[in-house]
Amino acid sequence: MTAPPRPVDAAHRLRGVRTAYNDHIAELFPRHQRLVSYVIRPPGADVSAVQSQLRTLAEEHGRYVGYDITDEAACSLDKRVGYAEALDLVYRGWAHGLVVPNQATISANVTTYAREVHWFGERNALLHVLHPEETE
């Protein structure tokens, strides 16, 4: 008798979806290089160490960070000026994707995060996460 399949949590599943999109995009467009680093910066905080880690992550994937964008509050996505700017850079083709510290930087809400993962995938844009979803 075989054991029942182990349930896959939403974060692990979304990591798989995001990774599959990234792998597919890297095959289709190996010259995708410029990324946006996006960080939530508490007022007065220095995020240069996190941005440095994001640059290193981009370089590990053969990319580089061309833009550093921050927002000061982790509010709803439609109120974040920096996030809107990052998406606009991707949408207009000035950047080829986003690199973020963790899932919560985009949204702690799994449904909202899933929508954003699909937005990137549908636009052949990369989404790299420093601390993968299931390690949250």
Protein backbone atom coordinates (compact mmCIF):
# COMPACT_ATOMS: atom_id res chain seq x y z
CA MET A 1 0.00 0.00 0.00
CA THR A 2 1.38 3.42 -0.91
CA ALA A 3 1.17 6.41 1.34
CA PRO A 4 -1.26 9.16 0.37
CA PRO A 5 0.33 12.06 -1.50
CA ARG A 6 1.81 14.68 0.75
CA PRO A 7 -0.11 17.95 0.54
CA VAL A 8 1.85 20.75 -1.06
CA ASP A 9 1.48 24.06 0.69
CA ALA A 10 0.67 27.15 -1.35
CA ALA A 11 4.07 28.78 -0.81
CA HIS A 12 5.93 25.71 -2.06
CA ARG A 13 3.63 25.47 -5.08
CA LEU A 14 4.10 29.15 -5.91
CA ARG A 15 7.86 28.78 -5.66
CA GLY A 16 7.61 25.98 -8.23
CA VAL A 17 5.47 28.13 -10.54
CA ARG A 18 7.82 31.12 -10.20
CA THR A 19 10.89 28.97 -10.77
CA ALA A 20 9.33 27.32 -13.83
CA TYR A 21 8.50 30.75 -15.29
CA ASN A 22 12.06 31.95 -14.63
CA ASP A 23 13.59 28.84 -16.21
CA HIS A 24 11.36 29.15 -19.28
CA ILE A 25 12.08 32.86 -19.65
CA ALA A 26 15.83 32.30 -19.27
CA GLU A 27 15.65 29.76 -22.13
CA LEU A 28 13.55 32.01 -24.35
CA PHE A 29 15.46 35.20 -23.65
CA PRO A 30 18.97 34.46 -22.45
CA ARG A 31 19.82 38.14 -22.84
CA HIS A 32 17.34 39.28 -20.19
CA GLN A 33 19.78 40.98 -17.92
CA ARG A 34 18.64 44.16 -16.21
CA LEU A 35 16.54 43.70 -13.07
CA VAL A 36 14.88 46.01 -10.57
CA SER A 37 15.69 45.45 -6.91
CA TYR A 38 12.62 46.22 -4.83
CA VAL A 39 12.72 46.58 -1.04
CA ILE A 40 10.34 47.80 1.65
CA ARG A 41 12.38 50.32 3.63
CA PRO A 42 11.15 51.31 7.07
CA PRO A 43 11.43 55.10 7.51
CA GLY A 44 15.03 56.07 8.19
CA ALA A 45 16.38 52.53 7.72
CA ASP A 46 19.43 51.73 5.61
CA VAL A 47 18.65 48.95 3.13
CA SER A 48 21.99 49.00 1.32
CA ALA A 49 22.97 45.59 2.79
CA VAL A 50 19.77 44.02 1.48
CA GLN A 51 20.23 45.69 -1.91
CA SER A 52 23.76 44.29 -2.02
CA GLN A 53 22.38 40.80 -1.37
CA LEU A 54 19.85 41.30 -4.17
CA ARG A 55 22.64 42.35 -6.54
CA THR A 56 24.55 39.19 -5.63
CA LEU A 57 21.45 37.07 -6.27
CA ALA A 58 20.97 38.73 -9.66
CA GLU A 59 24.62 38.07 -10.54
CA GLU A 60 24.25 34.41 -9.53
CA HIS A 61 21.57 34.19 -12.23
CA GLY A 62 23.70 35.97 -14.83
CA ARG A 63 21.84 39.29 -14.45
CA TYR A 64 22.50 42.68 -12.92
CA VAL A 65 20.44 45.23 -11.01
CA GLY A 66 19.86 48.33 -13.08
CA TYR A 67 17.39 50.04 -10.77
CA ASP A 68 16.97 50.12 -6.98
CA ILE A 69 13.45 51.01 -5.87
CA THR A 70 12.03 51.18 -2.37
CA ASP A 71 8.74 51.85 -0.68
CA GLU A 72 8.46 52.93 2.94
CA ALA A 73 5.40 50.90 3.90
CA ALA A 74 4.13 47.41 3.23
CA CYS A 75 0.63 48.62 2.44
CA SER A 76 -1.65 47.31 -0.32
CA LEU A 77 0.06 47.08 -3.69
CA ASP A 78 -2.19 49.68 -5.31
CA LYS A 79 -0.89 52.31 -2.85
CA ARG A 80 2.83 51.63 -3.32
CA VAL A 81 4.39 54.20 -5.62
CA GLY A 82 7.72 52.35 -5.78
CA TYR A 83 6.13 49.02 -6.69
CA ALA A 84 4.10 50.70 -9.43
CA GLU A 85 7.32 52.25 -10.76
CA ALA A 86 9.07 48.85 -10.72
CA LEU A 87 6.19 47.24 -12.63
CA ASP A 88 6.19 50.10 -15.12
CA LEU A 89 9.90 49.58 -15.82
CA VAL A 90 9.21 45.90 -16.50
CA TYR A 91 6.07 46.58 -18.52
CA ARG A 92 7.87 49.10 -20.75
CA GLY A 93 10.79 46.72 -21.28
CA TRP A 94 13.36 48.91 -19.50
CA ALA A 95 13.89 46.11 -16.98
CA HIS A 96 13.54 42.39 -17.47
CA GLY A 97 12.24 41.51 -14.05
CA LEU A 98 12.34 42.04 -10.34
CA VAL A 99 14.51 40.76 -7.49
CA VAL A 100 13.08 40.96 -3.96
CA PRO A 101 14.13 39.81 -0.48
CA ASN A 102 11.08 37.58 0.13
CA GLN A 103 7.50 36.88 -0.81
CA ALA A 104 6.16 39.29 1.80
CA THR A 105 7.95 42.16 0.06
CA ILE A 106 5.35 41.77 -2.67
CA SER A 107 2.53 40.43 -0.50
CA ALA A 108 2.08 38.16 2.50
CA ASN A 109 -1.32 37.27 1.06
CA VAL A 110 -0.89 34.10 -0.99
CA THR A 111 -3.66 34.99 -3.47
CA THR A 112 -2.23 38.45 -4.13
CA TYR A 113 1.29 37.05 -4.43
CA ALA A 114 0.10 34.36 -6.86
CA ARG A 115 -1.51 37.05 -9.03
CA GLU A 116 1.78 38.94 -9.15
CA VAL A 117 3.82 35.81 -9.95
CA HIS A 118 1.50 35.16 -12.90
CA TRP A 119 1.71 38.81 -14.01
CA PHE A 120 5.49 38.45 -14.32
CA GLY A 121 5.26 35.08 -16.04
CA GLU A 122 2.70 36.31 -18.57
CA ARG A 123 5.04 39.15 -19.52
CA ASN A 124 8.12 36.95 -19.79
CA ALA A 125 9.63 38.85 -16.88
CA LEU A 126 11.85 37.29 -14.25
CA LEU A 127 11.00 37.27 -10.55
CA HIS A 128 13.88 36.25 -8.26
CA VAL A 129 13.37 35.93 -4.50
CA LEU A 130 16.34 35.97 -2.12
CA HIS A 131 14.60 33.88 0.57
CA PRO A 132 12.39 31.40 -1.32
CA GLU A 133 8.71 31.18 -0.48
CA GLU A 134 8.65 28.01 1.62
CA THR A 135 11.39 29.31 3.89
CA GLU A 136 9.22 32.20 5.03
